Amino acid sequence: MTSGWIRDWFAAQARPRAGAAEPPLRAELFSGEQLARRARSLAAEHQVIVRRGSNRLLERLDDNERVLRVFNRNTLALDPTRRITPAAEWLLDNFYLIEEQTQLARRHLPRGYSRELPRLLNGPSVGLPRVYDIGLELISHVDAQIDAEPLRGFIAAYQTVSSLRIGELWAIPIMLRLGLIENLQRITTRLILAREDRTVAEHWVDRLQAMAEKDSSHLVVVVAEMAQSDLPISSSFVAEFCQRLSRQSPVLHLARGWLEQRLGERGLSIEQLVQQESQSQASDQVSVSHSISSLRFLSARDWKKFVEGLSGVEATLRTDPAGVYAAMDFSTRDRYRHAVEFMSRHGFRQTLYHIAFVRVAAGSGESGQLSVDGVAMAGNGVPLVDDRREHRVEFKV
């Protein structure tokens, strides 16, 4: 009675994406200094294109949500006496939060939004928004434990090599949320496969025990059937098989001896795989708890201060010697930042930061008008004119 719901479900999903078999976002843990170095090297590696592309992130979110829902449903359906791993227990207890965060990510990522973000031309995230890959990289080197200062330092270090657009800075919490949900899905997929392996182990121990009670002299027949079957010799199978054998009749030592021999042929031992399974379960529990805590952090964070603190355009506009820009409210400052970026994207010859170089015209404190390196902008939307290019843009700021 080996359970086949995992493979049946995956087969019904019209070929799950390759990412379904990917390991969790769990790389070498970095200190703050190491994170900064990695951010700079990542920025040097990234090659981007600003042309619009397809929105694959929503499809990925849908896939992740399906995996997480199926796992939760099947965990609830388990026999109450059956042991579940600590990571599975965390996922079960916090599934309501994962659902909320998934819906929030979908709301904050309308179909046209990520298409406007610069995309990668290289690397494992090719075709996806650059800022999404930045989020995955950070998550992997902090084991999904997102905190304010490491996050700020990582983005700041990245921008010493390659500046991010305003829209990319605003997208960081969205991309981190998507990355954390992706991480939970990857861990869940591992738990799904491990659960099936444990079910296989349970099935064979039950058969062995039944034969031992019926006619122990025929145990060798069941062991021979095991040898001929396609057993999943994984740490989950071995740990569950040996744990259940230890609670049964000593006569079942024949099966353990066969398993030891089979593992020995591969240069492995029962002790190694049992220890590996224990470490894997502990690592999964930590990653799941960190991911869930980080999802809560993203919802509680004030992202206005984060974006302004890391925006190069903001820093330049604040050099206004009269202090007019700094005295504006947040929404007005945000309109100015977007206006500057609009001009940079639409063919003005100045660089982004040249456009943002501010000098306050005489009397600007009364009129509310800033003269920005040949471009006039007013709070209610006046023409933006570049006198070095005969082009006039009407842009509402």
Protein backbone atom coordinates (compact mmCIF):
# COMPACT_ATOMS: atom_id res chain seq x y z
CA MET A 1 0.00 0.00 0.00
CA THR A 2 2.73 2.37 -1.00
CA SER A 3 1.38 5.90 -1.29
CA GLY A 4 1.60 7.32 -4.82
CA TRP A 5 -0.22 10.61 -4.34
CA ILE A 6 2.96 12.68 -4.68
CA ARG A 7 3.92 11.45 -8.12
CA ASP A 8 0.29 11.30 -9.25
CA TRP A 9 -0.22 14.90 -8.22
CA PHE A 10 2.94 16.13 -9.94
CA ALA A 11 2.01 14.27 -13.13
CA ALA A 12 -1.34 16.05 -13.12
CA GLN A 13 0.27 19.46 -12.98
CA ALA A 14 1.17 19.57 -16.67
CA ARG A 15 4.86 19.00 -16.08
CA PRO A 16 5.93 20.99 -13.04
CA ARG A 17 8.72 23.46 -13.69
CA ALA A 18 12.34 22.47 -13.21
CA GLY A 19 12.47 24.55 -10.01
CA ALA A 20 10.25 21.94 -8.30
CA ALA A 21 13.34 19.78 -7.77
CA GLU A 22 15.65 22.61 -6.78
CA PRO A 23 17.29 22.69 -3.33
CA PRO A 24 16.25 25.26 -0.72
CA LEU A 25 17.79 28.72 -0.89
CA ARG A 26 20.50 27.76 1.55
CA ALA A 27 24.10 28.71 0.76
CA GLU A 28 27.07 29.63 2.94
CA LEU A 29 26.05 31.95 5.76
CA PHE A 30 27.70 35.37 5.32
CA SER A 31 28.63 38.12 7.74
CA GLY A 32 27.77 41.73 6.93
CA GLU A 33 31.13 42.29 5.27
CA GLN A 34 30.84 39.11 3.23
CA LEU A 35 27.32 40.09 2.16
CA ALA A 36 28.61 43.44 0.91
CA ARG A 37 31.37 41.74 -1.10
CA ARG A 38 28.88 39.30 -2.60
CA ALA A 39 26.50 42.15 -3.51
CA ARG A 40 29.26 43.99 -5.37
CA SER A 41 30.33 40.88 -7.26
CA LEU A 42 26.71 40.08 -8.09
CA ALA A 43 26.23 43.58 -9.51
CA ALA A 44 29.32 43.11 -11.69
CA GLU A 45 27.97 39.76 -12.93
CA HIS A 46 24.50 41.00 -13.82
CA GLN A 47 23.76 41.91 -17.42
CA VAL A 48 20.37 43.56 -17.82
CA ILE A 49 17.93 44.62 -20.50
CA VAL A 50 15.13 47.12 -20.01
CA ARG A 51 12.81 45.79 -22.70
CA ARG A 52 9.43 44.53 -21.54
CA GLY A 53 9.09 40.78 -21.08
CA SER A 54 6.65 38.13 -19.91
CA ASN A 55 5.52 37.95 -16.31
CA ARG A 56 6.84 34.53 -15.30
CA LEU A 57 6.83 35.41 -11.60
CA LEU A 58 3.05 35.14 -11.29
CA GLU A 59 3.11 31.70 -12.91
CA ARG A 60 5.84 30.68 -10.48
CA LEU A 61 3.79 31.99 -7.57
CA ASP A 62 0.80 29.94 -8.73
CA ASP A 63 2.94 26.79 -8.91
CA ASN A 64 4.34 27.40 -5.45
CA GLU A 65 0.91 27.98 -4.00
CA ARG A 66 -0.39 24.69 -5.44
CA VAL A 67 2.49 22.70 -3.94
CA LEU A 68 2.04 24.31 -0.52
CA ARG A 69 -1.73 23.77 -0.52
CA VAL A 70 -1.47 20.09 -1.50
CA PHE A 71 1.13 19.48 1.20
CA ASN A 72 -1.01 21.20 3.84
CA ARG A 73 -4.11 19.28 2.80
CA ASN A 74 -2.32 15.94 2.92
CA THR A 75 -0.68 16.73 6.25
CA LEU A 76 -4.10 17.41 7.74
CA ALA A 77 -5.34 14.10 6.32
CA LEU A 78 -2.60 12.03 7.96
CA ASP A 79 -3.40 9.59 10.73
CA PRO A 80 -3.13 11.64 13.98
CA THR A 81 -0.83 8.98 15.43
CA ARG A 82 1.68 9.40 12.62
CA ARG A 83 4.72 11.51 13.42
CA ILE A 84 5.39 14.59 11.28
CA THR A 85 8.69 16.42 11.03
CA PRO A 86 9.28 19.73 12.87
CA ALA A 87 9.39 21.63 9.55
CA ALA A 88 6.05 20.13 8.51
CA GLU A 89 4.58 21.15 11.86
CA TRP A 90 5.79 24.73 11.32
CA LEU A 91 4.21 24.79 7.86
CA LEU A 92 0.94 23.40 9.19
CA ASP A 93 0.73 25.86 12.10
CA ASN A 94 1.57 28.87 9.93
CA PHE A 95 -0.25 27.95 6.72
CA TYR A 96 -2.76 30.75 7.27
CA LEU A 97 0.12 33.25 7.21
CA ILE A 98 1.61 31.70 4.07
CA GLU A 99 -1.78 31.99 2.38
CA GLU A 100 -2.10 35.64 3.42
CA GLN A 101 1.39 36.44 2.15
CA THR A 102 0.75 34.66 -1.14
CA GLN A 103 -2.37 36.73 -1.74
CA LEU A 104 -0.52 39.88 -0.74
CA ALA A 105 2.27 39.09 -3.22
CA ARG A 106 -0.29 38.55 -5.97
CA ARG A 107 -2.00 41.86 -5.16
CA HIS A 108 1.27 43.79 -5.16
CA LEU A 109 2.46 42.20 -8.40
CA PRO A 110 -0.10 43.08 -11.08
CA ARG A 111 0.55 41.48 -14.46
CA GLY A 112 2.10 44.59 -15.98
CA TYR A 113 4.30 45.56 -13.04
CA SER A 114 7.25 43.19 -13.25
CA ARG A 115 7.33 43.55 -17.04
CA GLU A 116 8.65 47.09 -16.58
CA LEU A 117 11.58 46.05 -14.40
CA PRO A 118 15.08 45.51 -15.85
CA ARG A 119 15.58 41.81 -16.64
CA LEU A 120 18.62 39.59 -16.57
CA LEU A 121 20.36 38.43 -19.73
CA ASN A 122 22.53 35.90 -17.90
CA GLY A 123 22.74 33.64 -14.88
CA PRO A 124 20.28 31.18 -13.32
CA SER A 125 17.50 33.82 -13.22
CA VAL A 126 17.84 34.80 -16.89
CA GLY A 127 14.68 36.49 -18.14
CA LEU A 128 13.50 37.34 -14.62
CA PRO A 129 13.71 40.79 -13.01
CA ARG A 130 17.17 41.67 -11.75
CA VAL A 131 15.78 42.67 -8.36
CA TYR A 132 14.24 39.20 -7.95
CA ASP A 133 17.64 37.56 -8.35
CA ILE A 134 19.08 40.02 -5.82
CA GLY A 135 16.42 38.89 -3.36
CA LEU A 136 17.13 35.19 -3.93
CA GLU A 137 20.85 35.77 -3.43
CA LEU A 138 20.33 37.57 -0.13
CA ILE A 139 17.87 34.94 1.14
CA SER A 140 20.30 32.13 0.37
CA HIS A 141 23.20 33.70 2.30
CA VAL A 142 21.19 34.54 5.43
CA ASP A 143 19.20 31.27 5.49
CA ALA A 144 15.99 33.25 4.87
CA GLN A 145 16.46 35.39 8.00
CA ILE A 146 15.81 38.88 6.62
CA ASP A 147 16.71 41.77 8.93
CA ALA A 148 16.76 45.50 8.27
CA GLU A 149 20.48 46.23 8.47
CA PRO A 150 21.81 43.28 6.42
CA LEU A 151 19.17 44.04 3.79
CA ARG A 152 20.05 47.72 3.62
CA GLY A 153 23.76 46.96 3.52
CA PHE A 154 23.34 44.41 0.73
CA ILE A 155 21.37 46.79 -1.49
CA ALA A 156 23.68 49.70 -0.74
CA ALA A 157 26.75 47.62 -1.64
CA TYR A 158 25.11 46.46 -4.87
CA GLN A 159 24.47 50.06 -5.87
CA THR A 160 28.12 51.03 -5.50
CA VAL A 161 28.57 49.05 -8.72
CA SER A 162 25.18 49.28 -10.44
CA SER A 163 22.35 51.65 -9.50
CA LEU A 164 18.81 50.36 -9.09
CA ARG A 165 15.82 52.23 -10.42
CA ILE A 166 13.21 53.70 -8.12
CA GLY A 167 10.77 51.03 -9.25
CA GLU A 168 13.28 48.32 -8.40
CA LEU A 169 13.76 49.68 -4.89
CA TRP A 170 10.00 49.68 -4.38
CA ALA A 171 9.89 46.12 -5.75
CA ILE A 172 12.36 44.75 -3.19
CA PRO A 173 9.75 43.78 -0.53
CA ILE A 174 7.60 42.17 -3.24
CA MET A 175 10.54 40.19 -4.62
CA LEU A 176 11.69 39.12 -1.16
CA ARG A 177 8.17 37.91 -0.41
CA LEU A 178 8.15 35.91 -3.65
CA GLY A 179 11.61 34.53 -2.86
CA LEU A 180 10.58 33.42 0.64
CA ILE A 181 7.48 31.68 -0.73
CA GLU A 182 9.70 30.03 -3.34
CA ASN A 183 11.98 28.86 -0.55
CA LEU A 184 9.07 27.40 1.41
CA GLN A 185 7.92 25.55 -1.71
CA ARG A 186 11.38 24.07 -2.27
CA ILE A 187 11.53 22.84 1.32
CA THR A 188 7.97 21.52 1.04
CA THR A 189 8.88 19.55 -2.07
CA ARG A 190 11.72 17.91 -0.12
CA LEU A 191 9.29 17.11 2.69
CA ILE A 192 6.83 15.61 0.20
CA LEU A 193 9.42 13.24 -1.22
CA ALA A 194 10.78 12.39 2.23
CA ARG A 195 7.27 11.59 3.46
CA GLU A 196 6.72 9.22 0.57
CA ASP A 197 10.04 7.49 1.29
CA ARG A 198 9.00 7.04 4.93
CA THR A 199 5.69 5.57 3.77
CA VAL A 200 7.60 3.04 1.65
CA ALA A 201 9.72 2.13 4.69
CA GLU A 202 6.60 1.71 6.82
CA HIS A 203 5.05 -0.56 4.20
CA TRP A 204 8.04 -2.92 4.07
CA VAL A 205 8.46 -3.12 7.85
CA ASP A 206 4.75 -3.97 8.16
CA ARG A 207 5.18 -6.74 5.60
CA LEU A 208 8.25 -8.09 7.36
CA GLN A 209 6.50 -8.06 10.73
CA ALA A 210 3.43 -9.77 9.31
CA MET A 211 5.60 -12.51 7.81
CA ALA A 212 7.59 -12.88 11.06
CA GLU A 213 4.36 -13.46 12.96
CA LYS A 214 3.04 -15.87 10.33
CA ASP A 215 6.16 -17.88 9.46
CA SER A 216 9.57 -16.44 10.30
CA SER A 217 11.28 -18.99 8.08
CA HIS A 218 9.81 -17.19 5.07
CA LEU A 219 11.26 -13.78 5.97
CA VAL A 220 13.94 -14.33 3.38
CA VAL A 221 11.22 -14.25 0.71
CA VAL A 222 10.13 -10.72 1.72
CA VAL A 223 13.75 -9.57 1.88
CA ALA A 224 14.29 -10.97 -1.62
CA GLU A 225 11.27 -9.01 -2.84
CA MET A 226 12.73 -5.87 -1.26
CA ALA A 227 16.03 -6.51 -3.06
CA GLN A 228 14.22 -6.77 -6.38
CA SER A 229 12.06 -3.67 -5.86
CA ASP A 230 13.07 -0.12 -6.68
CA LEU A 231 13.54 1.10 -3.13
CA PRO A 232 14.34 4.77 -2.47
CA ILE A 233 17.64 4.41 -0.60
CA SER A 234 17.41 7.89 0.86
CA SER A 235 18.17 9.14 4.35
CA SER A 236 14.42 9.41 5.03
CA PHE A 237 13.79 5.80 4.01
CA VAL A 238 16.76 4.39 5.91
CA ALA A 239 16.06 6.33 9.12
CA GLU A 240 12.37 5.36 9.15
CA PHE A 241 13.05 1.73 8.20
CA CYS A 242 15.67 1.21 10.91
CA GLN A 243 13.68 3.06 13.57
CA ARG A 244 10.63 0.86 12.93
CA LEU A 245 12.73 -2.30 12.77
CA SER A 246 14.19 -1.53 16.19
CA ARG A 247 10.71 -1.63 17.70
CA GLN A 248 9.88 -5.02 16.16
CA SER A 249 10.97 -8.61 16.75
CA PRO A 250 14.73 -9.27 16.83
CA VAL A 251 14.16 -11.86 14.13
CA LEU A 252 13.97 -9.00 11.65
CA HIS A 253 17.72 -8.44 11.90
CA LEU A 254 17.95 -10.19 8.54
CA ALA A 255 16.38 -7.19 6.84
CA ARG A 256 18.73 -4.77 8.56
CA GLY A 257 21.70 -6.87 7.51
CA TRP A 258 20.53 -6.78 3.89
CA LEU A 259 20.19 -2.98 4.06
CA GLU A 260 23.65 -2.57 5.56
CA GLN A 261 25.11 -4.65 2.75
CA ARG A 262 23.27 -2.65 0.09
CA LEU A 263 24.44 0.65 1.53
CA GLY A 264 27.98 -0.66 1.92
CA GLU A 265 28.09 -1.32 -1.83
CA ARG A 266 27.59 2.43 -2.27
CA GLY A 267 30.14 3.42 0.34
CA LEU A 268 27.43 4.38 2.82
CA SER A 269 26.30 3.20 6.23
CA ILE A 270 23.07 3.23 8.20
CA GLU A 271 24.61 5.49 10.84
CA GLN A 272 25.66 8.05 8.21
CA LEU A 273 22.21 8.27 6.67
CA VAL A 274 20.40 8.39 10.01
CA GLN A 275 22.62 11.30 11.05
CA GLN A 276 22.10 12.98 7.67
CA GLU A 277 18.34 12.71 8.07
CA SER A 278 18.50 14.26 11.53
CA GLN A 279 20.59 17.17 10.25
CA SER A 280 18.31 17.64 7.23
CA GLN A 281 15.20 17.81 9.41
CA ALA A 282 16.88 20.34 11.72
CA SER A 283 18.02 22.50 8.78
CA ASP A 284 14.56 22.43 7.21
CA GLN A 285 12.96 23.47 10.49
CA VAL A 286 15.32 26.44 10.84
CA SER A 287 14.80 27.55 7.23
CA VAL A 288 11.02 27.30 7.52
CA SER A 289 10.94 29.25 10.79
CA HIS A 290 13.24 31.92 9.35
CA SER A 291 11.14 32.21 6.18
CA ILE A 292 7.92 32.65 8.14
CA SER A 293 9.50 35.19 10.52
CA SER A 294 10.84 37.11 7.52
CA LEU A 295 7.40 37.22 5.90
CA ARG A 296 6.15 38.87 9.08
CA PHE A 297 9.09 41.31 8.97
CA LEU A 298 8.22 42.35 5.42
CA SER A 299 4.67 43.21 6.44
CA ALA A 300 5.78 45.28 9.45
CA ARG A 301 8.56 47.26 7.71
CA ASP A 302 8.23 50.95 6.73
CA TRP A 303 9.38 50.75 3.10
CA LYS A 304 9.11 54.48 2.45
CA LYS A 305 12.15 55.17 4.60
CA PHE A 306 13.96 52.22 3.07
CA VAL A 307 13.46 53.44 -0.51
CA GLU A 308 14.38 57.05 0.24
CA GLY A 309 17.44 55.98 2.18
CA LEU A 310 18.79 53.93 -0.73
CA SER A 311 17.72 56.06 -3.70
CA GLY A 312 20.64 57.78 -5.43
CA VAL A 313 18.22 60.23 -7.04
CA GLU A 314 16.84 61.09 -3.60
CA ALA A 315 20.33 61.73 -2.24
CA THR A 316 21.11 64.06 -5.15
CA LEU A 317 17.83 65.97 -4.95
CA ARG A 318 18.45 66.56 -1.26
CA THR A 319 21.56 68.56 -2.14
CA ASP A 320 19.18 71.41 -2.97
CA PRO A 321 20.96 74.22 -1.05
CA ALA A 322 17.73 76.06 -0.24
CA GLY A 323 16.22 72.95 1.36
CA VAL A 324 13.00 73.21 -0.68
CA TYR A 325 13.04 69.58 -1.76
CA ALA A 326 13.74 68.23 1.72
CA ALA A 327 10.81 70.24 3.09
CA MET A 328 8.32 68.60 0.73
CA ASP A 329 6.08 65.77 1.92
CA PHE A 330 6.80 62.19 0.92
CA SER A 331 4.29 61.95 -1.94
CA THR A 332 5.64 65.13 -3.58
CA ARG A 333 9.23 63.96 -3.26
CA ASP A 334 8.18 60.64 -4.77
CA ARG A 335 6.66 62.42 -7.78
CA TYR A 336 9.90 64.32 -8.32
CA ARG A 337 11.92 61.12 -8.15
CA HIS A 338 9.68 59.43 -10.69
CA ALA A 339 9.83 62.51 -12.94
CA VAL A 340 13.62 62.41 -12.93
CA GLU A 341 13.61 58.71 -13.77
CA PHE A 342 11.01 59.27 -16.50
CA MET A 343 13.30 61.76 -18.21
CA SER A 344 16.26 59.43 -17.93
CA ARG A 345 14.29 56.59 -19.54
CA HIS A 346 12.84 58.65 -22.37
CA GLY A 347 15.87 59.82 -24.23
CA PHE A 348 17.19 62.89 -22.43
CA ARG A 349 20.92 63.11 -22.90
CA GLN A 350 21.80 63.64 -19.28
CA THR A 351 22.47 60.71 -16.99
CA LEU A 352 19.99 59.99 -14.25
CA TYR A 353 22.02 61.78 -11.59
CA HIS A 354 22.84 64.73 -13.83
CA ILE A 355 19.13 65.25 -14.36
CA ALA A 356 18.65 65.02 -10.62
CA PHE A 357 21.28 67.69 -9.93
CA VAL A 358 19.25 70.43 -8.35
CA ARG A 359 19.66 74.14 -8.15
CA VAL A 360 16.83 76.18 -6.71
CA ALA A 361 15.89 79.18 -8.80
CA ALA A 362 15.58 82.55 -7.15
CA GLY A 363 12.30 82.78 -5.41
CA SER A 364 11.69 79.04 -5.66
CA GLY A 365 10.72 78.91 -2.03
CA GLU A 366 7.66 80.97 -2.88
CA SER A 367 6.80 79.56 -6.30
CA GLY A 368 7.47 75.91 -5.49
CA GLN A 369 9.42 75.51 -8.75
CA LEU A 370 12.75 73.75 -9.05
CA SER A 371 15.12 74.21 -11.96
CA VAL A 372 16.79 70.85 -12.54
CA ASP A 373 19.80 71.18 -14.86
CA GLY A 374 17.85 72.69 -17.69
CA VAL A 375 14.55 71.06 -16.78
CA ALA A 376 11.72 72.91 -15.08
CA MET A 377 9.42 70.93 -12.81
CA ALA A 378 6.53 72.14 -10.75
CA GLY A 379 4.52 70.25 -8.19
CA ASN A 380 1.28 70.26 -10.17
CA GLY A 381 2.76 69.16 -13.49
CA VAL A 382 4.35 71.76 -15.80
CA PRO A 383 6.18 70.95 -19.03
CA LEU A 384 9.55 69.29 -18.66
CA VAL A 385 11.96 70.87 -21.16
CA ASP A 386 15.49 69.80 -22.01
CA ASP A 387 17.09 72.73 -23.80
CA ARG A 388 19.90 70.52 -25.06
CA ARG A 389 17.43 68.49 -27.06
CA GLU A 390 14.57 69.98 -29.00
CA HIS A 391 11.99 67.86 -27.37
CA ARG A 392 9.10 68.74 -25.09
CA VAL A 393 7.44 66.27 -22.79
CA GLU A 394 4.19 66.89 -20.98
CA PHE A 395 4.48 64.85 -17.77
CA LYS A 396 2.21 65.01 -14.78
CA VAL A 397 4.17 64.94 -11.57
